[in-house]
């Protein structure tokens, strides 16, 4: 439960709905004592000298029963509806988080630049091998998102405030070293991907509108960055929902046009030896964990809603990725392996080009919103700025550096995408969530109140998460050294 002053936007919830089946211990404990005293008074079977010893025995029994029930309550998992209430600063009315908006935020954040690179990195392995690796990566990234949500809610319980980012989570669970690794990994990944989004979007806008690339980059940054800074949560959710809807429409149109020449036999190709090389890009395609702290705050710490938002919000991109890659890999020929399959499809079908550009721009926009919200919230917590207020400094630090880097090197898109997916994603959203959860679950300094665990399996599951991320990172490092 979160305790706060009356001026805080987070109002505490009464104890009765948070701790069900709460019993009044003391009236029940002293009832036998009163009955015994009445029997002594009316029957005169006990002398006045025996009353102190009887009173002592009853009090000792009451104390032992109280201790036993207190120990049982500490081990009981609490079913929490919500930790706090989000209030509108102007109307002071509660604004509960919308589950549909949360799902769309996760979906929009997930469908980004990674989907554009999937056909190129999975062409050698084939669609069947890609489907297996893609489902595996989806399960893995859902699990790490659950771990982040679990630690985030526990951190909010301990700190007594909402808006807790990865900094506070790492500081509470991993100490100073964990904070440093988390901070630099988080900042690097977000800046790298924001640079990639600005560079790619400005290139698309320049081709469409015909304006200089610096104007396109500035327009994209101001439009979506201004939306994140000035817009309310409801407005941002509504705009993001419209963009996701347009994303799905353009995706359906693209699949309808491109699937006319689909060769079903090509989908049976499977080269599992080449499949592991595509894991970093596929894992990058499922990145959404940066908005999990935002989800936990918007949904008022309701773990059941957070779990649903993560599962459904990433399930939609999973279907999109499978259909997208299946249509493209099943349409292009096997000749010209050095060419990007998406570029081959553009060259053979003139209608596909504009649809791909619209789809790409919408994918960049939805992901850009999620990453700006995540990084600005992270920087606010890092700079210890007041929660619940939109301060301009975090947004300036979020928007300006990627804009400058994208203008200095317009071809930085694929470089930033490859490096961020290879090393940063699996470290920040693979190793660190498992390490934080391990410390949070099995450390002696954990909370006395035990909240439900979103990920079952205990230490075995956490070891599998750590081992999977570590194996991929070491494999990529060894391969890069071999090419030096």
Protein backbone atom coordinates (compact mmCIF):
# COMPACT_ATOMS: atom_id res chain seq x y z
CA UNK A 1 0.00 0.00 0.00
CA UNK A 2 1.23 3.47 -0.77
CA UNK A 3 0.98 6.15 1.89
CA UNK A 4 0.97 9.76 0.79
CA UNK A 5 -0.16 13.19 1.87
CA UNK A 6 -3.49 14.66 0.85
CA UNK A 7 -1.70 16.82 -1.70
CA UNK A 8 -0.32 13.81 -3.59
CA UNK A 9 -2.08 12.60 -6.73
CA UNK A 10 -1.85 9.06 -5.37
CA UNK A 11 -4.55 8.40 -2.75
CA UNK A 12 -4.08 5.35 -0.52
CA UNK A 13 -6.67 2.62 -0.72
CA UNK A 14 -8.33 1.54 2.55
CA UNK A 15 -6.97 -1.56 4.13
CA UNK A 16 -10.12 -3.62 3.85
CA UNK A 17 -10.04 -4.20 0.06
CA UNK A 18 -6.28 -4.70 0.06
CA UNK A 19 -6.14 -7.34 2.83
CA UNK A 20 -9.26 -9.49 2.58
CA UNK A 21 -10.52 -11.67 5.44
CA UNK A 22 -9.01 -9.41 8.05
CA UNK A 23 -10.13 -10.49 11.52
CA UNK A 24 -10.56 -8.55 14.72
CA UNK A 25 -8.15 -10.41 16.89
CA UNK A 26 -8.50 -8.82 20.30
CA UNK A 27 -12.28 -9.15 20.91
CA UNK A 28 -12.07 -12.84 20.05
CA UNK A 29 -9.06 -13.41 22.23
CA UNK A 30 -10.47 -11.80 25.37
CA UNK A 31 -13.93 -13.42 25.13
CA UNK A 32 -12.87 -16.60 26.95
CA UNK A 33 -11.27 -14.45 29.64
CA UNK A 34 -14.53 -12.58 30.32
CA UNK A 35 -16.53 -15.79 30.35
CA UNK A 36 -14.12 -17.34 32.83
CA UNK A 37 -14.30 -14.29 35.08
CA UNK A 38 -18.11 -14.40 35.10
CA UNK A 39 -18.11 -18.08 35.96
CA UNK A 40 -15.74 -17.44 38.85
CA UNK A 41 -17.90 -14.60 40.14
CA UNK A 42 -21.22 -16.47 40.02
CA UNK A 43 -20.16 -19.95 41.10
CA UNK A 44 -17.44 -18.90 43.54
CA UNK A 45 -15.41 -21.97 42.60
CA UNK A 46 -12.18 -20.08 42.37
CA UNK A 47 -10.59 -17.91 44.95
CA UNK A 48 -9.40 -14.36 44.40
CA UNK A 49 -5.78 -15.54 44.56
CA UNK A 50 -6.19 -17.79 41.48
CA UNK A 51 -7.35 -14.92 39.23
CA UNK A 52 -3.87 -13.44 38.48
CA UNK A 53 -2.47 -16.79 37.33
CA UNK A 54 -5.53 -17.44 35.17
CA UNK A 55 -5.28 -13.96 33.69
CA UNK A 56 -1.61 -14.52 32.92
CA UNK A 57 -2.32 -17.83 31.16
CA UNK A 58 -5.05 -16.26 29.03
CA UNK A 59 -2.88 -13.29 28.07
CA UNK A 60 0.01 -15.60 27.16
CA UNK A 61 -2.31 -17.72 25.02
CA UNK A 62 -3.61 -14.57 23.31
CA UNK A 63 -0.08 -13.36 22.60
CA UNK A 64 1.00 -16.70 21.11
CA UNK A 65 -2.11 -16.88 18.90
CA UNK A 66 -1.50 -13.33 17.73
CA UNK A 67 2.12 -14.15 16.84
CA UNK A 68 1.06 -17.27 14.90
CA UNK A 69 -1.57 -15.44 12.89
CA UNK A 70 0.83 -12.54 12.24
CA UNK A 71 3.41 -14.94 10.81
CA UNK A 72 0.78 -16.54 8.59
CA UNK A 73 -0.32 -13.14 7.31
CA UNK A 74 3.25 -12.24 6.38
CA UNK A 75 3.48 -15.34 4.17
CA UNK A 76 0.10 -14.71 2.56
CA UNK A 77 0.17 -13.28 -0.95
CA UNK A 78 -1.94 -10.18 -1.24
CA UNK A 79 -4.41 -9.81 -4.07
CA UNK A 80 -4.18 -6.11 -4.93
CA UNK A 81 -6.75 -4.33 -7.02
CA UNK A 82 -4.60 -1.22 -7.30
CA UNK A 83 -1.89 0.54 -5.32
CA UNK A 84 -3.11 4.10 -5.79
CA UNK A 85 -5.47 6.28 -7.79
CA UNK A 86 -4.38 8.51 -10.66
CA UNK A 87 -6.01 11.93 -10.27
CA UNK A 88 -6.51 14.70 -12.77
CA UNK A 89 -4.58 17.69 -11.41
CA UNK A 90 -7.28 20.11 -12.58
CA UNK A 91 -10.51 18.31 -11.68
CA UNK A 92 -9.14 16.11 -8.86
CA UNK A 93 -11.13 13.23 -10.30
CA UNK A 94 -9.77 9.73 -10.63
CA UNK A 95 -8.58 8.74 -14.09
CA UNK A 96 -8.14 4.98 -14.07
CA UNK A 97 -5.81 3.61 -16.68
CA UNK A 98 -7.43 2.13 -19.76
CA UNK A 99 -6.46 -1.45 -20.54
CA UNK A 100 -7.13 -0.95 -24.25
CA UNK A 101 -4.84 2.10 -24.33
CA UNK A 102 -2.17 0.12 -22.49
CA UNK A 103 -2.40 -2.70 -25.05
CA UNK A 104 -2.13 -0.25 -27.92
CA UNK A 105 0.85 1.46 -26.28
CA UNK A 106 2.68 -1.88 -26.02
CA UNK A 107 1.72 -2.79 -29.58
CA UNK A 108 2.79 0.56 -30.99
CA UNK A 109 6.08 0.46 -29.11
CA UNK A 110 6.83 -3.09 -30.26
CA UNK A 111 6.10 -2.61 -33.96
CA UNK A 112 9.00 -0.42 -34.97
CA UNK A 113 12.18 -0.47 -36.99
CA UNK A 114 12.86 -4.14 -36.29
CA UNK A 115 10.07 -5.39 -38.51
CA UNK A 116 11.65 -3.63 -41.51
CA UNK A 117 14.88 -5.58 -41.02
CA UNK A 118 13.33 -9.01 -40.42
CA UNK A 119 13.18 -10.19 -44.07
CA UNK A 120 16.85 -9.39 -44.67
CA UNK A 121 18.20 -11.12 -41.55
CA UNK A 122 15.97 -14.21 -41.85
CA UNK A 123 16.19 -14.87 -45.59
CA UNK A 124 19.05 -17.33 -45.18
CA UNK A 125 17.40 -19.29 -42.37
CA UNK A 126 13.98 -19.46 -44.07
CA UNK A 127 10.47 -18.86 -42.83
CA UNK A 128 9.97 -22.10 -40.88
CA UNK A 129 13.11 -21.59 -38.81
CA UNK A 130 12.20 -17.93 -38.37
CA UNK A 131 8.74 -18.86 -37.04
CA UNK A 132 10.24 -21.11 -34.36
CA UNK A 133 12.81 -18.51 -33.28
CA UNK A 134 10.22 -15.73 -33.38
CA UNK A 135 7.80 -17.55 -31.05
CA UNK A 136 10.67 -18.42 -28.72
CA UNK A 137 11.82 -14.79 -28.61
CA UNK A 138 8.24 -13.63 -27.98
CA UNK A 139 7.89 -15.92 -24.95
CA UNK A 140 11.27 -14.80 -23.67
CA UNK A 141 10.48 -11.09 -23.99
CA UNK A 142 7.06 -11.52 -22.37
CA UNK A 143 8.72 -13.21 -19.40
CA UNK A 144 11.27 -10.41 -18.99
CA UNK A 145 8.45 -7.85 -19.18
CA UNK A 146 6.63 -9.68 -16.40
CA UNK A 147 9.79 -9.62 -14.29
CA UNK A 148 10.17 -5.86 -14.77
CA UNK A 149 6.52 -5.28 -13.86
CA UNK A 150 6.84 -7.43 -10.75
CA UNK A 151 9.90 -5.56 -9.49
CA UNK A 152 8.39 -2.20 -10.44
CA UNK A 153 5.22 -2.73 -8.38
CA UNK A 154 7.24 -3.93 -5.39
CA UNK A 155 9.47 -0.86 -5.68
CA UNK A 156 6.41 1.41 -5.73
CA UNK A 157 5.14 -0.33 -2.59
CA UNK A 158 8.43 0.26 -0.80
CA UNK A 159 9.07 3.84 -1.97
CA UNK A 160 5.45 4.92 -1.63
CA UNK A 161 5.21 6.72 -4.96
CA UNK A 162 4.28 6.09 -8.57
CA UNK A 163 6.37 6.79 -11.64
CA UNK A 164 9.20 4.47 -10.57
CA UNK A 165 11.66 3.82 -13.41
CA UNK A 166 14.47 1.36 -13.93
CA UNK A 167 16.89 3.51 -11.92
CA UNK A 168 15.00 3.14 -8.66
CA UNK A 169 14.36 -0.54 -9.36
CA UNK A 170 18.05 -1.27 -9.97
CA UNK A 171 19.12 0.81 -6.99
CA UNK A 172 16.82 -1.08 -4.65
CA UNK A 173 17.69 -4.56 -5.93
CA UNK A 174 21.19 -4.49 -7.45
CA UNK A 175 22.95 -1.61 -5.70
CA UNK A 176 25.37 0.88 -7.21
CA UNK A 177 26.87 -1.45 -9.83
CA UNK A 178 23.46 -2.48 -11.06
CA UNK A 179 22.40 1.16 -11.31
CA UNK A 180 25.42 2.06 -13.42
CA UNK A 181 25.01 -0.88 -15.82
CA UNK A 182 21.27 -0.32 -16.13
CA UNK A 183 21.56 3.41 -16.66
CA UNK A 184 24.18 3.29 -19.39
CA UNK A 185 22.53 0.35 -21.17
CA UNK A 186 19.12 1.98 -21.02
CA UNK A 187 20.37 5.35 -22.25
CA UNK A 188 22.44 3.79 -25.05
CA UNK A 189 19.62 1.62 -26.41
CA UNK A 190 17.04 4.39 -26.33
CA UNK A 191 19.27 6.98 -27.95
CA UNK A 192 20.41 4.50 -30.59
CA UNK A 193 16.86 3.54 -31.51
CA UNK A 194 15.58 7.13 -31.38
CA UNK A 195 18.39 8.09 -33.76
CA UNK A 196 17.37 5.25 -36.07
CA UNK A 197 13.71 6.31 -35.99
CA UNK A 198 14.47 9.97 -36.72
CA UNK A 199 16.89 9.10 -39.54
CA UNK A 200 14.52 6.67 -41.24
CA UNK A 201 11.40 8.85 -40.80
CA UNK A 202 13.12 11.97 -42.11
CA UNK A 203 14.21 10.02 -45.20
CA UNK A 204 10.62 8.88 -45.84
CA UNK A 205 9.19 12.38 -45.33
CA UNK A 206 11.81 13.88 -47.66
CA UNK A 207 10.82 11.44 -50.40
CA UNK A 208 7.14 12.18 -49.88
CA UNK A 209 7.13 15.95 -49.40
CA UNK A 210 10.34 16.95 -51.15
CA UNK A 211 11.66 19.16 -48.33
CA UNK A 212 15.28 19.07 -47.07
CA UNK A 213 16.13 16.23 -44.76
CA UNK A 214 16.88 18.51 -41.79
CA UNK A 215 13.38 19.97 -42.04
CA UNK A 216 11.87 16.50 -42.19
CA UNK A 217 13.82 15.40 -39.12
CA UNK A 218 12.86 18.54 -37.20
CA UNK A 219 9.20 18.21 -38.20
CA UNK A 220 9.03 14.55 -37.10
CA UNK A 221 10.73 15.32 -33.78
CA UNK A 222 8.58 18.35 -32.99
CA UNK A 223 5.33 16.65 -33.98
CA UNK A 224 5.71 13.47 -31.97
CA UNK A 225 7.87 14.96 -29.22
CA UNK A 226 5.37 17.79 -28.72
CA UNK A 227 2.57 15.23 -28.52
CA UNK A 228 4.36 13.41 -25.69
CA UNK A 229 5.12 16.62 -23.76
CA UNK A 230 1.89 18.60 -24.15
CA UNK A 231 -0.64 15.80 -24.54
CA UNK A 232 -2.53 14.22 -21.65
CA UNK A 233 -2.45 10.48 -21.11
CA UNK A 234 -5.87 10.07 -22.69
CA UNK A 235 -4.96 12.19 -25.71
CA UNK A 236 -1.68 10.38 -26.26
CA UNK A 237 -3.50 7.06 -25.97
CA UNK A 238 -6.11 8.18 -28.49
CA UNK A 239 -3.53 9.40 -31.02
CA UNK A 240 -1.48 6.25 -30.55
CA UNK A 241 -4.60 4.17 -31.10
CA UNK A 242 -5.31 5.97 -34.39
CA UNK A 243 -1.73 5.40 -35.52
CA UNK A 244 -1.88 1.72 -34.62
CA UNK A 245 -5.18 1.40 -36.49
CA UNK A 246 -3.58 3.02 -39.54
CA UNK A 247 -0.61 0.71 -39.11
CA UNK A 248 -2.88 -2.34 -39.23
CA UNK A 249 -4.78 -1.00 -42.27
CA UNK A 250 -1.58 -0.30 -44.23
CA UNK A 251 -0.22 -3.68 -43.18
CA UNK A 252 -3.36 -5.44 -44.45
CA UNK A 253 -3.18 -3.52 -47.73
CA UNK A 254 0.48 -4.40 -48.15
CA UNK A 255 -0.15 -8.08 -47.49
CA UNK A 256 -3.12 -8.12 -49.90
CA UNK A 257 -1.07 -6.60 -52.71
CA UNK A 258 2.10 -8.60 -52.12
CA UNK A 259 0.50 -11.98 -51.45
CA UNK A 260 -0.69 -12.34 -55.05
CA UNK A 261 2.61 -13.96 -56.04
CA UNK A 262 3.04 -15.98 -52.85
CA UNK A 263 4.82 -19.33 -53.30
CA UNK A 264 3.74 -21.62 -50.48
CA UNK A 265 6.60 -24.05 -51.09
CA UNK A 266 9.08 -21.31 -50.19
CA UNK A 267 7.65 -21.12 -46.65
CA UNK A 268 8.85 -24.65 -45.84
CA UNK A 269 12.52 -23.64 -46.04
CA UNK A 270 14.30 -24.10 -42.70
CA UNK A 271 18.00 -23.61 -42.04
CA UNK A 272 18.29 -23.80 -38.27
CA UNK A 273 22.07 -23.43 -38.36
CA UNK A 274 21.68 -19.87 -39.65
CA UNK A 275 18.70 -19.08 -37.41
CA UNK A 276 20.64 -18.04 -34.26
CA UNK A 277 22.20 -15.15 -36.17
CA UNK A 278 18.80 -13.50 -36.45
CA UNK A 279 18.01 -13.64 -32.70
CA UNK A 280 19.34 -10.13 -31.84
CA UNK A 281 17.20 -8.44 -34.51
CA UNK A 282 14.14 -10.52 -33.64
CA UNK A 283 14.63 -9.73 -29.94
CA UNK A 284 15.00 -6.05 -30.84
CA UNK A 285 11.71 -6.27 -32.74
CA UNK A 286 9.94 -7.30 -29.52
CA UNK A 287 11.33 -4.50 -27.36
CA UNK A 288 8.58 -2.87 -25.31
CA UNK A 289 9.94 -3.23 -21.77
CA UNK A 290 10.89 0.45 -21.64
CA UNK A 291 7.19 1.34 -21.27
CA UNK A 292 6.43 -1.26 -18.58
CA UNK A 293 7.06 1.25 -15.74
CA UNK A 294 4.72 3.65 -17.54
CA UNK A 295 2.11 0.87 -17.75
CA UNK A 296 2.41 0.09 -14.05
CA UNK A 297 1.85 3.76 -13.19
CA UNK A 298 -1.00 4.31 -15.66
CA UNK A 299 -2.76 1.10 -14.54
CA UNK A 300 -2.30 2.05 -10.86
CA UNK A 301 -0.17 -0.98 -10.02
CA UNK A 302 -2.87 -3.48 -11.02
CA UNK A 303 -0.76 -6.53 -11.88
CA UNK A 304 -3.58 -8.41 -13.58
CA UNK A 305 -4.15 -5.52 -16.02
CA UNK A 306 -0.41 -5.12 -16.57
CA UNK A 307 -0.12 -8.83 -17.38
CA UNK A 308 -2.99 -8.64 -19.86
CA UNK A 309 -1.56 -5.53 -21.50
CA UNK A 310 1.81 -7.23 -22.02
CA UNK A 311 0.41 -10.51 -23.38
CA UNK A 312 -2.10 -8.98 -25.79
CA UNK A 313 0.08 -5.98 -26.61
CA UNK A 314 2.93 -8.23 -27.77
CA UNK A 315 0.67 -10.94 -29.22
CA UNK A 316 -0.55 -8.60 -31.95
CA UNK A 317 3.01 -7.82 -33.16
CA UNK A 318 3.82 -11.54 -33.06
CA UNK A 319 1.06 -12.23 -35.60
CA UNK A 320 2.14 -9.22 -37.68
CA UNK A 321 5.77 -10.38 -37.75
CA UNK A 322 4.85 -13.91 -38.82
CA UNK A 323 2.49 -12.77 -41.59
CA UNK A 324 4.85 -9.99 -42.72
CA UNK A 325 7.88 -12.23 -43.06
CA UNK A 326 5.88 -15.09 -44.53
CA UNK A 327 4.45 -12.97 -47.33
CA UNK A 328 7.74 -11.27 -48.19
CA UNK A 329 9.94 -14.38 -48.02
CA UNK A 330 7.32 -16.38 -49.89
CA UNK A 331 7.06 -13.79 -52.67
CA UNK A 332 10.65 -12.91 -53.54
CA UNK A 333 12.87 -15.41 -55.34
CA UNK A 334 15.90 -17.10 -53.85
CA UNK A 335 18.23 -15.45 -56.36
CA UNK A 336 20.09 -12.35 -55.34
CA UNK A 337 20.72 -13.25 -51.72
CA UNK A 338 22.76 -10.09 -51.29
CA UNK A 339 19.67 -7.93 -51.87
CA UNK A 340 17.15 -6.94 -49.24
CA UNK A 341 13.93 -8.91 -49.91
CA UNK A 342 11.90 -5.78 -49.21
CA UNK A 343 13.86 -3.89 -51.86
CA UNK A 344 13.31 -6.76 -54.30
CA UNK A 345 9.57 -6.60 -53.66
CA UNK A 346 9.54 -2.86 -54.29
CA UNK A 347 11.35 -3.24 -57.59
CA UNK A 348 9.02 -5.95 -58.89
CA UNK A 349 5.73 -4.34 -57.78
CA UNK A 350 5.27 -0.58 -58.17
CA UNK A 351 2.19 -0.46 -55.93
CA UNK A 352 4.09 -1.91 -52.96
CA UNK A 353 6.53 1.01 -52.63
CA UNK A 354 4.14 3.74 -51.37
CA UNK A 355 2.35 1.29 -49.06
CA UNK A 356 5.65 0.21 -47.54
CA UNK A 357 6.62 3.85 -46.93
CA UNK A 358 3.30 4.59 -45.18
CA UNK A 359 3.58 1.46 -43.09
CA UNK A 360 7.19 2.28 -42.17
CA UNK A 361 6.34 5.86 -41.18
CA UNK A 362 3.47 4.75 -38.95
CA UNK A 363 5.65 2.06 -37.38
CA UNK A 364 8.34 4.65 -36.64
CA UNK A 365 5.81 7.06 -35.16
CA UNK A 366 4.20 4.58 -32.78
CA UNK A 367 7.56 3.29 -31.57
CA UNK A 368 8.90 6.83 -31.23
CA UNK A 369 6.05 7.74 -28.87
CA UNK A 370 6.74 4.77 -26.61
CA UNK A 371 10.48 5.34 -26.51
CA UNK A 372 10.14 9.07 -25.82
CA UNK A 373 7.75 8.38 -22.93
CA UNK A 374 10.01 5.68 -21.53
CA UNK A 375 13.26 7.65 -21.78
CA UNK A 376 11.78 10.92 -20.45
CA UNK A 377 10.33 9.07 -17.45
CA UNK A 378 13.71 7.40 -16.91
CA UNK A 379 15.58 10.71 -17.03
CA UNK A 380 13.07 12.34 -14.67
CA UNK A 381 13.73 9.64 -12.11
CA UNK A 382 17.48 9.80 -12.72
CA UNK A 383 17.48 13.57 -12.16
CA UNK A 384 15.16 13.17 -9.13
CA UNK A 385 12.56 15.54 -10.55
CA UNK A 386 9.09 15.73 -8.95
CA UNK A 387 6.70 13.04 -10.12
CA UNK A 388 3.35 13.88 -11.66
CA UNK A 389 4.65 17.01 -13.43
CA UNK A 390 5.79 17.45 -17.03
CA UNK A 391 9.20 19.11 -16.77
CA UNK A 392 10.79 20.31 -20.03
CA UNK A 393 14.35 19.21 -19.19
CA UNK A 394 13.83 15.42 -19.56
CA UNK A 395 12.07 15.91 -22.90
CA UNK A 396 14.80 18.19 -24.20
CA UNK A 397 17.42 15.62 -23.24
CA UNK A 398 15.32 12.94 -24.92
CA UNK A 399 14.56 14.70 -28.21
CA UNK A 400 17.54 16.92 -29.07
CA UNK A 401 20.54 14.48 -29.06
CA UNK A 402 18.91 11.93 -31.44
CA UNK A 403 17.93 14.75 -33.78
CA UNK A 404 21.49 16.05 -33.93
CA UNK A 405 23.04 12.61 -34.47
CA UNK A 406 20.53 11.73 -37.19
CA UNK A 407 21.37 14.93 -39.06
CA UNK A 408 25.12 14.35 -38.75
CA UNK A 409 24.90 10.85 -40.28
CA UNK A 410 21.68 10.16 -42.24
CA UNK A 411 22.88 6.60 -43.01
CA UNK A 412 23.11 5.70 -39.32
CA UNK A 413 19.80 3.82 -39.30
CA UNK A 414 21.07 0.27 -39.87
CA UNK A 415 24.25 0.81 -37.85
CA UNK A 416 22.32 1.91 -34.76
CA UNK A 417 19.75 -0.84 -35.21
CA UNK A 418 22.29 -3.64 -35.50
CA UNK A 419 24.49 -2.58 -32.58
CA UNK A 420 21.58 -1.91 -30.22
CA UNK A 421 19.98 -5.27 -30.96
CA UNK A 422 23.19 -7.26 -30.69
CA UNK A 423 24.38 -6.14 -27.27
CA UNK A 424 22.09 -3.67 -25.56
CA UNK A 425 18.66 -5.31 -25.71
CA UNK A 426 19.59 -8.71 -24.31
CA UNK A 427 21.65 -7.12 -21.54
CA UNK A 428 19.14 -4.51 -20.45
CA UNK A 429 15.93 -6.46 -21.07
CA UNK A 430 17.29 -9.96 -20.51
CA UNK A 431 20.06 -10.17 -17.92
CA UNK A 432 19.11 -7.20 -15.74
CA UNK A 433 15.39 -8.07 -15.23
CA UNK A 434 16.30 -11.60 -14.15
CA UNK A 435 19.02 -10.29 -11.81
CA UNK A 436 16.66 -7.72 -10.25
CA UNK A 437 13.95 -10.33 -9.76
CA UNK A 438 16.43 -12.77 -8.21
CA UNK A 439 17.57 -10.16 -5.71
CA UNK A 440 14.01 -9.04 -5.03
CA UNK A 441 12.68 -12.53 -4.42
CA UNK A 442 15.52 -14.14 -2.51
CA UNK A 443 17.24 -11.27 -0.72
CA UNK A 444 16.87 -10.94 3.04
CA UNK A 445 15.94 -7.28 2.63
CA UNK A 446 12.81 -8.02 0.56
CA UNK A 447 9.41 -6.67 1.53
CA UNK A 448 7.55 -8.30 4.42
CA UNK A 449 4.41 -8.21 2.26
CA UNK A 450 4.62 -10.86 -0.45
CA UNK A 451 3.02 -9.83 -3.73
CA UNK A 452 2.01 -12.37 -6.39
CA UNK A 453 4.79 -13.52 -8.71
CA UNK A 454 3.97 -13.00 -12.38
CA UNK A 455 6.58 -15.52 -13.54
CA UNK A 456 6.45 -19.04 -12.04
CA UNK A 457 9.32 -21.49 -11.85
CA UNK A 458 11.44 -19.83 -9.19
CA UNK A 459 15.21 -19.93 -9.58
CA UNK A 460 15.10 -22.33 -12.55
CA UNK A 461 13.17 -19.85 -14.70
CA UNK A 462 15.48 -16.99 -13.73
CA UNK A 463 18.55 -19.09 -14.56
CA UNK A 464 17.11 -19.93 -17.98
CA UNK A 465 16.52 -16.23 -18.67
CA UNK A 466 20.06 -15.34 -17.61
CA UNK A 467 21.61 -18.23 -19.52
CA UNK A 468 19.72 -17.54 -22.75
CA UNK A 469 20.74 -13.88 -22.89
CA UNK A 470 24.33 -14.62 -21.88
CA UNK A 471 24.70 -17.32 -24.54
CA UNK A 472 23.55 -15.05 -27.37
CA UNK A 473 25.72 -12.14 -26.23
CA UNK A 474 28.85 -14.30 -25.95
CA UNK A 475 28.15 -15.93 -29.33
CA UNK A 476 27.93 -12.55 -31.01
CA UNK A 477 31.11 -11.36 -29.33
CA UNK A 478 33.05 -14.44 -30.47
CA UNK A 479 31.80 -14.09 -34.02
CA UNK A 480 32.72 -10.41 -34.17
CA UNK A 481 36.23 -11.20 -32.94
CA UNK A 482 36.61 -13.84 -35.65
CA UNK A 483 35.86 -11.27 -38.34
CA UNK A 484 38.50 -8.84 -37.07
